[in-house]
Amino acid sequence: MPAYTKPAESYARQLVILGGRGLIIADPVFAEHCLRHHNYYRISAYRFALTVHGNPDQFLPGTTFEQLWALYDYDRQLRHLVLEATKRVEISVRSRWAYEVGHRHGCQAYESPAIFSDGVAHTKTLAKLDQELGRSSEDFVAHFRRTYGTNRPPIWAICEVMSFGPTSMLYKILSEQNLRQVIADTYQLDERALGSFLHHLNIVRNTCAHHSRLWNRKFTITLQPPISKPPALIPSLDPVPTGVPNPKAPDKLYNTLVMLAHMMEIIQPTGGWRHRVRELIVAQAFPVSSSMGFPANWLTRPIWLP
C-alpha cells in the first residue's frame, strides 16, 4: 500500500490551489481568514455542488469563494436549527418515558430486564448509563449516592443524565406495546413511527454535534415515515404515504425536517421553528432544497405554510 506523501500547504498555497481549480477569489484576506479558522479540507468538501459534473476539481465558470462560503455557512445555520430541535425532542421524550414507565413499574424500573424485550441491548444501555453517571457532575447524582448508597438514582432523575442513544433504545425495547403507544400518543404518532424516528434522529443529532456536513448528506439509517396518523402530517411527507410502509425510505433530510417540525409544534408551539427553517432555505441563492430531498412543491405542503 503506497504511503501518503503530500505535504502540508500554507494558507496562501491553499488559495492558489482553489484558484487553479477555477474558483474566483476576489477577497484573499477574507478567504484566508475562513481557511485559518475552518480548515481547507472542511470547506473544500462543499465544492462538489459547485463543480463540473464528473470533475470535482474544476469549479463551474463564475463560481466565487463567497458562494462556496455561503453554502458552508448555510449548512452551519441548518445544523444549529436541527440541533436545537433534537435537544427539545430528546428532553421531551425522555421526560415522558420516565413519567410513564415510572408510574407503571416503579422508581427503578429501568433496571429491570423484565420490562424490556432485548436483554443484551438492555445490559449494554445500563452500562452506558453507568458511564454517564460516572462522568456526571450533577449534585443530585452525588446526593443519591451519599444519601441512599446507590449509584443509580430513580427513573425521574436518571433521565436527566441520559443521552439520546440510551433514550432511543430504552423506548424501543420496552416490551409493552401499549406503554410505547402511551408515550407516542403525546406526539400523535404510532409507536413504531416514533421508535423509527428516534433511532434515525440519534444519527442526525450526532452529525450536528460533531459539526459534520448535514444539508445534502445521505443517511444509511433512515426513518420510516408515519403511514396513517396524524392525518394532517401525512400530506407534508415525501413520498406521501399510501397506507403501507415504504420498504426503501428516502435517505435525505427532508422527511427528518418534516418530523421535527411536527414534533416542535407540539413541544414548543410558540417557538416558530418550522418558519425559521423555511426562511433559511428560501433565502439561499444556491438551490439547496433539491439536494436535501425536498419535493418541488414543498412550500405548498401544510407543514411549511406560513
C-alpha atoms as a PDB file:
ATOM      1  CA  MET A   1       0.000   0.000   0.000  1.00  0.00           C
ATOM      2  CA  PRO A   2       1.567   3.336  -1.038  1.00  0.00           C
ATOM      3  CA  ALA A   3       2.374   5.896   1.639  1.00  0.00           C
ATOM      4  CA  TYR A   4       0.627   9.270   1.651  1.00  0.00           C
ATOM      5  CA  THR A   5       3.305  11.829   0.829  1.00  0.00           C
ATOM      6  CA  LYS A   6       1.500  15.103   0.058  1.00  0.00           C
ATOM      7  CA  PRO A   7       2.976  17.987   2.098  1.00  0.00           C
ATOM      8  CA  ALA A   8       1.033  20.350   4.313  1.00  0.00           C
ATOM      9  CA  GLU A   9       0.224  23.537   2.410  1.00  0.00           C
ATOM     10  CA  SER A  10       0.272  27.129   3.667  1.00  0.00           C
ATOM     11  CA  TYR A  11      -2.918  29.194   3.603  1.00  0.00           C
ATOM     12  CA  ALA A  12      -1.563  31.178   0.669  1.00  0.00           C
ATOM     13  CA  ARG A  13      -0.857  27.976  -1.218  1.00  0.00           C
ATOM     14  CA  GLN A  14      -4.341  26.647  -0.427  1.00  0.00           C
ATOM     15  CA  LEU A  15      -5.806  29.754  -2.098  1.00  0.00           C
ATOM     16  CA  VAL A  16      -3.606  29.150  -5.123  1.00  0.00           C
ATOM     17  CA  ILE A  17      -4.916  25.578  -5.368  1.00  0.00           C
ATOM     18  CA  LEU A  18      -8.542  26.761  -5.202  1.00  0.00           C
ATOM     19  CA  GLY A  19      -7.857  29.456  -7.774  1.00  0.00           C
ATOM     20  CA  GLY A  20      -6.201  26.924 -10.043  1.00  0.00           C
ATOM     21  CA  ARG A  21      -9.443  24.951  -9.990  1.00  0.00           C
ATOM     22  CA  GLY A  22     -11.368  27.923 -11.312  1.00  0.00           C
ATOM     23  CA  LEU A  23     -12.628  29.464  -8.066  1.00  0.00           C
ATOM     24  CA  ILE A  24     -12.753  33.259  -8.198  1.00  0.00           C
ATOM     25  CA  ILE A  25     -11.157  34.731  -5.068  1.00  0.00           C
ATOM     26  CA  ALA A  26     -11.901  38.461  -5.090  1.00  0.00           C
ATOM     27  CA  ASP A  27     -11.001  38.999  -1.417  1.00  0.00           C
ATOM     28  CA  PRO A  28      -7.956  36.875  -0.482  1.00  0.00           C
ATOM     29  CA  VAL A  29      -7.851  38.332   3.039  1.00  0.00           C
ATOM     30  CA  PHE A  30     -11.398  37.162   3.769  1.00  0.00           C
ATOM     31  CA  ALA A  31     -10.778  33.799   2.125  1.00  0.00           C
ATOM     32  CA  GLU A  32      -7.597  33.209   4.128  1.00  0.00           C
ATOM     33  CA  HIS A  33      -9.410  34.150   7.334  1.00  0.00           C
ATOM     34  CA  CYS A  34     -12.038  31.482   6.589  1.00  0.00           C
ATOM     35  CA  LEU A  35      -9.380  28.859   5.870  1.00  0.00           C
ATOM     36  CA  ARG A  36      -7.465  29.789   9.015  1.00  0.00           C
ATOM     37  CA  HIS A  37     -10.465  29.215  11.279  1.00  0.00           C
ATOM     38  CA  HIS A  38     -12.389  26.496   9.443  1.00  0.00           C
ATOM     39  CA  ASN A  39      -9.790  24.300   7.684  1.00  0.00           C
ATOM     40  CA  TYR A  40      -9.289  23.893   3.936  1.00  0.00           C
ATOM     41  CA  TYR A  41     -10.278  20.221   3.930  1.00  0.00           C
ATOM     42  CA  ARG A  42     -13.552  21.012   5.691  1.00  0.00           C
ATOM     43  CA  ILE A  43     -14.550  23.908   3.434  1.00  0.00           C
ATOM     44  CA  SER A  44     -13.489  22.189   0.226  1.00  0.00           C
ATOM     45  CA  ALA A  45     -15.939  19.346   0.931  1.00  0.00           C
ATOM     46  CA  TYR A  46     -18.714  21.789  -0.007  1.00  0.00           C
ATOM     47  CA  ARG A  47     -17.306  22.316  -3.503  1.00  0.00           C
ATOM     48  CA  PHE A  48     -18.986  19.255  -5.027  1.00  0.00           C
ATOM     49  CA  ALA A  49     -22.260  21.132  -5.545  1.00  0.00           C
ATOM     50  CA  LEU A  50     -20.336  23.914  -7.315  1.00  0.00           C
ATOM     51  CA  THR A  51     -18.054  21.903  -9.586  1.00  0.00           C
ATOM     52  CA  VAL A  52     -18.367  20.420 -13.060  1.00  0.00           C
ATOM     53  CA  HIS A  53     -20.229  17.112 -13.070  1.00  0.00           C
ATOM     54  CA  GLY A  54     -17.698  14.297 -13.009  1.00  0.00           C
ATOM     55  CA  ASN A  55     -14.781  16.629 -12.228  1.00  0.00           C
ATOM     56  CA  PRO A  56     -14.786  17.761  -8.573  1.00  0.00           C
ATOM     57  CA  ASP A  57     -11.510  19.623  -9.115  1.00  0.00           C
ATOM     58  CA  GLN A  58     -12.992  22.099 -11.605  1.00  0.00           C
ATOM     59  CA  PHE A  59     -15.413  24.761 -10.370  1.00  0.00           C
ATOM     60  CA  LEU A  60     -18.299  25.834 -12.548  1.00  0.00           C
ATOM     61  CA  PRO A  61     -17.494  29.019 -14.520  1.00  0.00           C
ATOM     62  CA  GLY A  62     -18.006  32.154 -12.480  1.00  0.00           C
ATOM     63  CA  THR A  63     -18.073  30.415  -9.072  1.00  0.00           C
ATOM     64  CA  THR A  64     -16.730  32.640  -6.285  1.00  0.00           C
ATOM     65  CA  PHE A  65     -15.261  31.906  -2.897  1.00  0.00           C
ATOM     66  CA  GLU A  66     -18.163  33.856  -1.410  1.00  0.00           C
ATOM     67  CA  GLN A  67     -20.597  31.377  -2.965  1.00  0.00           C
ATOM     68  CA  LEU A  68     -18.630  28.448  -1.541  1.00  0.00           C
ATOM     69  CA  TRP A  69     -18.585  30.121   1.852  1.00  0.00           C
ATOM     70  CA  ALA A  70     -22.310  30.906   1.699  1.00  0.00           C
ATOM     71  CA  LEU A  71     -23.077  27.216   1.184  1.00  0.00           C
ATOM     72  CA  TYR A  72     -20.814  26.301   4.093  1.00  0.00           C
ATOM     73  CA  ASP A  73     -22.435  28.938   6.311  1.00  0.00           C
ATOM     74  CA  TYR A  74     -25.922  27.797   5.324  1.00  0.00           C
ATOM     75  CA  ASP A  75     -25.096  24.277   6.446  1.00  0.00           C
ATOM     76  CA  ARG A  76     -23.826  25.660   9.766  1.00  0.00           C
ATOM     77  CA  GLN A  77     -27.080  27.530  10.357  1.00  0.00           C
ATOM     78  CA  LEU A  78     -29.111  24.474   9.393  1.00  0.00           C
ATOM     79  CA  ARG A  79     -27.169  22.307  11.860  1.00  0.00           C
ATOM     80  CA  HIS A  80     -27.852  24.805  14.629  1.00  0.00           C
ATOM     81  CA  LEU A  81     -31.590  24.711  13.931  1.00  0.00           C
ATOM     82  CA  VAL A  82     -31.686  20.910  13.751  1.00  0.00           C
ATOM     83  CA  LEU A  83     -29.616  20.549  16.911  1.00  0.00           C
ATOM     84  CA  GLU A  84     -31.956  22.945  18.713  1.00  0.00           C
ATOM     85  CA  ALA A  85     -34.933  20.791  17.747  1.00  0.00           C
ATOM     86  CA  THR A  86     -33.272  17.464  18.583  1.00  0.00           C
ATOM     87  CA  LYS A  87     -32.481  18.762  22.063  1.00  0.00           C
ATOM     88  CA  ARG A  88     -36.145  19.660  22.581  1.00  0.00           C
ATOM     89  CA  VAL A  89     -37.252  16.251  21.313  1.00  0.00           C
ATOM     90  CA  GLU A  90     -34.718  14.451  23.489  1.00  0.00           C
ATOM     91  CA  ILE A  91     -35.767  16.232  26.668  1.00  0.00           C
ATOM     92  CA  SER A  92     -39.468  15.760  25.914  1.00  0.00           C
ATOM     93  CA  VAL A  93     -39.278  12.059  25.041  1.00  0.00           C
ATOM     94  CA  ARG A  94     -37.091  11.090  27.965  1.00  0.00           C
ATOM     95  CA  SER A  95     -39.382  13.057  30.301  1.00  0.00           C
ATOM     96  CA  ARG A  96     -42.463  11.266  29.000  1.00  0.00           C
ATOM     97  CA  TRP A  97     -40.626   7.933  29.098  1.00  0.00           C
ATOM     98  CA  ALA A  98     -39.610   8.417  32.741  1.00  0.00           C
ATOM     99  CA  TYR A  99     -43.097   9.522  33.785  1.00  0.00           C
ATOM    100  CA  GLU A 100     -45.000   6.688  32.151  1.00  0.00           C
ATOM    101  CA  VAL A 101     -42.545   3.877  32.930  1.00  0.00           C
ATOM    102  CA  GLY A 102     -42.034   5.108  36.488  1.00  0.00           C
ATOM    103  CA  HIS A 103     -45.754   5.281  37.218  1.00  0.00           C
ATOM    104  CA  ARG A 104     -46.409   1.846  35.755  1.00  0.00           C
ATOM    105  CA  HIS A 105     -43.379  -0.073  37.036  1.00  0.00           C
ATOM    106  CA  GLY A 106     -41.766   1.891  39.860  1.00  0.00           C
ATOM    107  CA  CYS A 107     -38.861   4.194  40.544  1.00  0.00           C
ATOM    108  CA  GLN A 108     -36.096   1.755  39.499  1.00  0.00           C
ATOM    109  CA  ALA A 109     -37.989   0.217  36.594  1.00  0.00           C
ATOM    110  CA  TYR A 110     -35.254   0.978  34.073  1.00  0.00           C
ATOM    111  CA  GLU A 111     -33.006  -1.552  35.867  1.00  0.00           C
ATOM    112  CA  SER A 112     -35.489  -4.414  35.437  1.00  0.00           C
ATOM    113  CA  PRO A 113     -34.875  -6.789  32.489  1.00  0.00           C
ATOM    114  CA  ALA A 114     -38.479  -7.989  32.837  1.00  0.00           C
ATOM    115  CA  ILE A 115     -39.970  -4.923  31.135  1.00  0.00           C
ATOM    116  CA  PHE A 116     -37.591  -4.912  28.168  1.00  0.00           C
ATOM    117  CA  SER A 117     -37.659  -7.161  25.116  1.00  0.00           C
ATOM    118  CA  ASP A 118     -33.915  -7.305  24.400  1.00  0.00           C
ATOM    119  CA  GLY A 119     -31.750  -8.352  27.322  1.00  0.00           C
ATOM    120  CA  VAL A 120     -28.457  -7.753  25.538  1.00  0.00           C
ATOM    121  CA  ALA A 121     -29.421  -4.240  24.457  1.00  0.00           C
ATOM    122  CA  HIS A 122     -30.748  -3.508  27.945  1.00  0.00           C
ATOM    123  CA  THR A 123     -27.489  -4.620  29.591  1.00  0.00           C
ATOM    124  CA  LYS A 124     -25.406  -2.538  27.184  1.00  0.00           C
ATOM    125  CA  THR A 125     -27.613   0.506  27.736  1.00  0.00           C
ATOM    126  CA  LEU A 126     -27.327   0.196  31.516  1.00  0.00           C
ATOM    127  CA  ALA A 127     -23.550   0.087  31.105  1.00  0.00           C
ATOM    128  CA  LYS A 128     -23.715   3.328  29.094  1.00  0.00           C
ATOM    129  CA  LEU A 129     -25.897   4.900  31.776  1.00  0.00           C
ATOM    130  CA  ASP A 130     -23.376   3.894  34.433  1.00  0.00           C
ATOM    131  CA  GLN A 131     -20.651   5.595  32.384  1.00  0.00           C
ATOM    132  CA  GLU A 132     -22.748   8.728  32.058  1.00  0.00           C
ATOM    133  CA  LEU A 133     -23.443   8.715  35.783  1.00  0.00           C
ATOM    134  CA  GLY A 134     -19.726   8.298  36.465  1.00  0.00           C
ATOM    135  CA  ARG A 135     -18.921  11.348  34.334  1.00  0.00           C
ATOM    136  CA  SER A 136     -21.774  13.438  35.706  1.00  0.00           C
ATOM    137  CA  SER A 137     -21.029  16.428  37.935  1.00  0.00           C
ATOM    138  CA  GLU A 138     -24.696  16.918  38.838  1.00  0.00           C
ATOM    139  CA  ASP A 139     -25.313  17.448  42.550  1.00  0.00           C
ATOM    140  CA  PHE A 140     -28.294  15.098  42.570  1.00  0.00           C
ATOM    141  CA  VAL A 141     -26.108  12.170  41.457  1.00  0.00           C
ATOM    142  CA  ALA A 142     -23.778  12.700  44.416  1.00  0.00           C
ATOM    143  CA  HIS A 143     -26.800  13.221  46.686  1.00  0.00           C
ATOM    144  CA  PHE A 144     -28.363   9.851  45.857  1.00  0.00           C
ATOM    145  CA  ARG A 145     -25.014   8.129  46.131  1.00  0.00           C
ATOM    146  CA  ARG A 146     -24.286   9.729  49.502  1.00  0.00           C
ATOM    147  CA  THR A 147     -27.794   9.515  50.991  1.00  0.00           C
ATOM    148  CA  TYR A 148     -29.072   6.206  49.662  1.00  0.00           C
ATOM    149  CA  GLY A 149     -25.874   4.352  48.862  1.00  0.00           C
ATOM    150  CA  THR A 150     -26.868   3.797  45.241  1.00  0.00           C
ATOM    151  CA  ASN A 151     -25.108   4.710  42.027  1.00  0.00           C
ATOM    152  CA  ARG A 152     -28.389   4.599  40.111  1.00  0.00           C
ATOM    153  CA  PRO A 153     -30.961   7.245  41.096  1.00  0.00           C
ATOM    154  CA  PRO A 154     -34.715   6.823  40.440  1.00  0.00           C
ATOM    155  CA  ILE A 155     -36.061   6.970  36.918  1.00  0.00           C
ATOM    156  CA  TRP A 156     -37.178  10.597  37.127  1.00  0.00           C
ATOM    157  CA  ALA A 157     -33.575  11.536  37.983  1.00  0.00           C
ATOM    158  CA  ILE A 158     -31.723   9.104  35.705  1.00  0.00           C
ATOM    159  CA  CYS A 159     -33.482  10.614  32.698  1.00  0.00           C
ATOM    160  CA  GLU A 160     -31.605  13.857  33.366  1.00  0.00           C
ATOM    161  CA  VAL A 161     -28.244  12.240  32.552  1.00  0.00           C
ATOM    162  CA  MET A 162     -29.450  10.019  29.686  1.00  0.00           C
ATOM    163  CA  SER A 163     -28.069  10.950  26.282  1.00  0.00           C
ATOM    164  CA  PHE A 164     -30.060  10.485  23.091  1.00  0.00           C
ATOM    165  CA  GLY A 165     -28.774   6.971  22.372  1.00  0.00           C
ATOM    166  CA  PRO A 166     -29.990   5.388  25.635  1.00  0.00           C
ATOM    167  CA  THR A 167     -33.238   7.384  25.423  1.00  0.00           C
ATOM    168  CA  SER A 168     -33.973   5.969  21.979  1.00  0.00           C
ATOM    169  CA  MET A 169     -33.003   2.427  22.947  1.00  0.00           C
ATOM    170  CA  LEU A 170     -34.921   2.286  26.242  1.00  0.00           C
ATOM    171  CA  TYR A 171     -38.037   3.407  24.388  1.00  0.00           C
ATOM    172  CA  LYS A 172     -37.532   0.987  21.508  1.00  0.00           C
ATOM    173  CA  ILE A 173     -37.054  -2.130  23.670  1.00  0.00           C
ATOM    174  CA  LEU A 174     -39.941  -1.553  26.066  1.00  0.00           C
ATOM    175  CA  SER A 175     -41.741  -4.887  25.843  1.00  0.00           C
ATOM    176  CA  GLU A 176     -45.251  -3.447  26.320  1.00  0.00           C
ATOM    177  CA  GLN A 177     -46.525  -2.036  23.057  1.00  0.00           C
ATOM    178  CA  ASN A 178     -49.329  -0.173  24.801  1.00  0.00           C
ATOM    179  CA  LEU A 179     -46.771   1.568  27.031  1.00  0.00           C
ATOM    180  CA  ARG A 180     -44.784   2.675  23.999  1.00  0.00           C
ATOM    181  CA  GLN A 181     -48.031   3.887  22.450  1.00  0.00           C
ATOM    182  CA  VAL A 182     -48.975   5.929  25.521  1.00  0.00           C
ATOM    183  CA  ILE A 183     -45.690   7.814  25.105  1.00  0.00           C
ATOM    184  CA  ALA A 184     -46.129   8.127  21.326  1.00  0.00           C
ATOM    185  CA  ASP A 185     -49.667   9.491  21.796  1.00  0.00           C
ATOM    186  CA  THR A 186     -48.069  12.647  23.179  1.00  0.00           C
ATOM    187  CA  TYR A 187     -46.819  13.332  19.661  1.00  0.00           C
ATOM    188  CA  GLN A 188     -49.925  11.983  17.847  1.00  0.00           C
ATOM    189  CA  LEU A 189     -47.780   9.212  16.340  1.00  0.00           C
ATOM    190  CA  ASP A 190     -47.896   5.451  16.074  1.00  0.00           C
ATOM    191  CA  GLU A 191     -45.337   3.910  18.431  1.00  0.00           C
ATOM    192  CA  ARG A 192     -43.454   2.270  15.538  1.00  0.00           C
ATOM    193  CA  ALA A 193     -43.122   5.608  13.746  1.00  0.00           C
ATOM    194  CA  LEU A 194     -41.818   7.277  16.894  1.00  0.00           C
ATOM    195  CA  GLY A 195     -39.319   4.467  17.526  1.00  0.00           C
ATOM    196  CA  SER A 196     -38.018   4.640  13.954  1.00  0.00           C
ATOM    197  CA  PHE A 197     -37.747   8.415  14.099  1.00  0.00           C
ATOM    198  CA  LEU A 198     -35.814   8.412  17.385  1.00  0.00           C
ATOM    199  CA  HIS A 199     -33.357   5.823  16.052  1.00  0.00           C
ATOM    200  CA  HIS A 200     -32.748   7.922  12.938  1.00  0.00           C
ATOM    201  CA  LEU A 201     -32.682  11.191  14.867  1.00  0.00           C
ATOM    202  CA  ASN A 202     -29.869   9.933  17.076  1.00  0.00           C
ATOM    203  CA  ILE A 203     -27.697   9.702  13.941  1.00  0.00           C
ATOM    204  CA  VAL A 204     -28.783  13.161  12.779  1.00  0.00           C
ATOM    205  CA  ARG A 205     -28.074  14.587  16.223  1.00  0.00           C
ATOM    206  CA  ASN A 206     -24.561  13.111  16.248  1.00  0.00           C
ATOM    207  CA  THR A 207     -23.928  14.536  12.784  1.00  0.00           C
ATOM    208  CA  CYS A 208     -24.814  18.015  14.046  1.00  0.00           C
ATOM    209  CA  ALA A 209     -22.968  17.694  17.347  1.00  0.00           C
ATOM    210  CA  HIS A 210     -19.750  16.736  15.552  1.00  0.00           C
ATOM    211  CA  HIS A 211     -20.105  19.676  13.122  1.00  0.00           C
ATOM    212  CA  SER A 212     -20.336  17.359  10.120  1.00  0.00           C
ATOM    213  CA  ARG A 213     -21.896  18.267   6.790  1.00  0.00           C
ATOM    214  CA  LEU A 214     -25.677  17.905   7.013  1.00  0.00           C
ATOM    215  CA  TRP A 215     -27.510  19.643   4.172  1.00  0.00           C
ATOM    216  CA  ASN A 216     -27.049  17.063   1.376  1.00  0.00           C
ATOM    217  CA  ARG A 217     -25.997  14.025   3.392  1.00  0.00           C
ATOM    218  CA  LYS A 218     -27.358  10.583   2.562  1.00  0.00           C
ATOM    219  CA  PHE A 219     -28.290   8.675   5.708  1.00  0.00           C
ATOM    220  CA  THR A 220     -27.820   4.912   5.894  1.00  0.00           C
ATOM    221  CA  ILE A 221     -30.201   4.707   8.857  1.00  0.00           C
ATOM    222  CA  THR A 222     -33.425   6.273   7.635  1.00  0.00           C
ATOM    223  CA  LEU A 223     -36.782   6.869   9.266  1.00  0.00           C
ATOM    224  CA  GLN A 224     -39.910   5.018   8.220  1.00  0.00           C
ATOM    225  CA  PRO A 225     -42.446   7.847   7.893  1.00  0.00           C
ATOM    226  CA  PRO A 226     -45.865   7.561   9.548  1.00  0.00           C
ATOM    227  CA  ILE A 227     -48.334   5.896   7.197  1.00  0.00           C
ATOM    228  CA  SER A 228     -51.707   6.933   8.616  1.00  0.00           C
ATOM    229  CA  LYS A 229     -51.537   9.337  11.545  1.00  0.00           C
ATOM    230  CA  PRO A 230     -51.700  12.103  12.299  1.00  0.00           C
ATOM    231  CA  PRO A 231     -53.730  12.805   9.140  1.00  0.00           C
ATOM    232  CA  ALA A 232     -52.596  16.436   8.995  1.00  0.00           C
ATOM    233  CA  LEU A 233     -48.935  15.397   8.833  1.00  0.00           C
ATOM    234  CA  ILE A 234     -49.160  12.821   6.045  1.00  0.00           C
ATOM    235  CA  PRO A 235     -49.505  15.244   3.061  1.00  0.00           C
ATOM    236  CA  SER A 236     -46.286  17.018   4.060  1.00  0.00           C
ATOM    237  CA  LEU A 237     -44.131  13.887   3.827  1.00  0.00           C
ATOM    238  CA  ASP A 238     -42.414  12.730   0.651  1.00  0.00           C
ATOM    239  CA  PRO A 239     -43.408  10.497  -0.902  1.00  0.00           C
ATOM    240  CA  VAL A 240     -46.879  10.926   0.570  1.00  0.00           C
ATOM    241  CA  PRO A 241     -47.650   7.622   2.373  1.00  0.00           C
ATOM    242  CA  THR A 242     -50.286   5.448   0.718  1.00  0.00           C
ATOM    243  CA  GLY A 243     -51.240   3.340   3.732  1.00  0.00           C
ATOM    244  CA  VAL A 244     -48.442   0.762   3.525  1.00  0.00           C
ATOM    245  CA  PRO A 245     -44.830   1.039   4.744  1.00  0.00           C
ATOM    246  CA  ASN A 246     -42.306   2.212   2.191  1.00  0.00           C
ATOM    247  CA  PRO A 247     -39.616  -0.528   2.041  1.00  0.00           C
ATOM    248  CA  LYS A 248     -36.969   1.980   0.914  1.00  0.00           C
ATOM    249  CA  ALA A 249     -37.424   5.191   2.831  1.00  0.00           C
ATOM    250  CA  PRO A 250     -35.863   8.383   1.404  1.00  0.00           C
ATOM    251  CA  ASP A 251     -32.300   8.859   2.629  1.00  0.00           C
ATOM    252  CA  LYS A 252     -32.086  12.662   2.543  1.00  0.00           C
ATOM    253  CA  LEU A 253     -33.048  15.223   5.177  1.00  0.00           C
ATOM    254  CA  TYR A 254     -36.496  16.345   4.015  1.00  0.00           C
ATOM    255  CA  ASN A 255     -38.691  13.933   5.996  1.00  0.00           C
ATOM    256  CA  THR A 256     -36.466  14.430   9.040  1.00  0.00           C
ATOM    257  CA  LEU A 257     -37.228  18.152   8.959  1.00  0.00           C
ATOM    258  CA  VAL A 258     -40.954  17.473   8.473  1.00  0.00           C
ATOM    259  CA  MET A 259     -40.994  15.201  11.523  1.00  0.00           C
ATOM    260  CA  LEU A 260     -39.003  17.679  13.585  1.00  0.00           C
ATOM    261  CA  ALA A 261     -41.378  20.471  12.562  1.00  0.00           C
ATOM    262  CA  HIS A 262     -44.340  18.323  13.636  1.00  0.00           C
ATOM    263  CA  MET A 263     -42.734  17.453  16.974  1.00  0.00           C
ATOM    264  CA  MET A 264     -41.719  21.050  17.647  1.00  0.00           C
ATOM    265  CA  GLU A 265     -45.265  22.272  17.026  1.00  0.00           C
ATOM    266  CA  ILE A 266     -46.313  20.022  19.942  1.00  0.00           C
ATOM    267  CA  ILE A 267     -43.314  20.523  22.243  1.00  0.00           C
ATOM    268  CA  GLN A 268     -42.764  24.254  21.690  1.00  0.00           C
ATOM    269  CA  PRO A 269     -45.742  25.588  19.720  1.00  0.00           C
ATOM    270  CA  THR A 270     -44.773  29.254  20.101  1.00  0.00           C
ATOM    271  CA  GLY A 271     -41.151  28.802  19.009  1.00  0.00           C
ATOM    272  CA  GLY A 272     -41.726  29.186  15.270  1.00  0.00           C
ATOM    273  CA  TRP A 273     -39.089  26.571  14.452  1.00  0.00           C
ATOM    274  CA  ARG A 274     -40.648  25.433  11.181  1.00  0.00           C
ATOM    275  CA  HIS A 275     -40.901  29.027   9.972  1.00  0.00           C
ATOM    276  CA  ARG A 276     -37.231  29.627  10.718  1.00  0.00           C
ATOM    277  CA  VAL A 277     -36.272  26.521   8.741  1.00  0.00           C
ATOM    278  CA  ARG A 278     -38.482  27.628   5.843  1.00  0.00           C
ATOM    279  CA  GLU A 279     -36.973  31.122   5.829  1.00  0.00           C
ATOM    280  CA  LEU A 280     -33.408  29.788   5.937  1.00  0.00           C
ATOM    281  CA  ILE A 281     -33.940  27.533   2.922  1.00  0.00           C
ATOM    282  CA  VAL A 282     -35.884  30.088   0.874  1.00  0.00           C
ATOM    283  CA  ALA A 283     -33.203  32.730   1.486  1.00  0.00           C
ATOM    284  CA  GLN A 284     -30.432  30.714  -0.189  1.00  0.00           C
ATOM    285  CA  ALA A 285     -29.214  31.934  -3.565  1.00  0.00           C
ATOM    286  CA  PHE A 286     -27.948  28.441  -4.344  1.00  0.00           C
ATOM    287  CA  PRO A 287     -30.828  25.932  -4.858  1.00  0.00           C
ATOM    288  CA  VAL A 288     -30.298  23.765  -1.788  1.00  0.00           C
ATOM    289  CA  SER A 289     -33.697  22.108  -1.460  1.00  0.00           C
ATOM    290  CA  SER A 290     -33.373  19.535  -4.247  1.00  0.00           C
ATOM    291  CA  SER A 291     -30.114  18.184  -2.802  1.00  0.00           C
ATOM    292  CA  MET A 292     -31.905  17.703   0.530  1.00  0.00           C
ATOM    293  CA  GLY A 293     -34.663  15.556  -0.941  1.00  0.00           C
ATOM    294  CA  PHE A 294     -37.289  18.305  -0.952  1.00  0.00           C
ATOM    295  CA  PRO A 295     -40.162  17.802  -3.410  1.00  0.00           C
ATOM    296  CA  ALA A 296     -40.607  20.579  -5.967  1.00  0.00           C
ATOM    297  CA  ASN A 297     -43.871  21.728  -4.344  1.00  0.00           C
ATOM    298  CA  TRP A 298     -42.642  21.613  -0.739  1.00  0.00           C
ATOM    299  CA  LEU A 299     -43.611  25.213   0.006  1.00  0.00           C
ATOM    300  CA  THR A 300     -47.287  24.363  -0.605  1.00  0.00           C
ATOM    301  CA  ARG A 301     -47.316  21.388   1.761  1.00  0.00           C
ATOM    302  CA  PRO A 302     -49.168  22.008   5.044  1.00  0.00           C
ATOM    303  CA  ILE A 303     -46.238  21.884   7.479  1.00  0.00           C
ATOM    304  CA  TRP A 304     -44.398  24.687   5.627  1.00  0.00           C
ATOM    305  CA  LEU A 305     -47.294  27.057   5.050  1.00  0.00           C
ATOM    306  CA  PRO A 306     -46.835  30.488   6.695  1.00  0.00           C
END
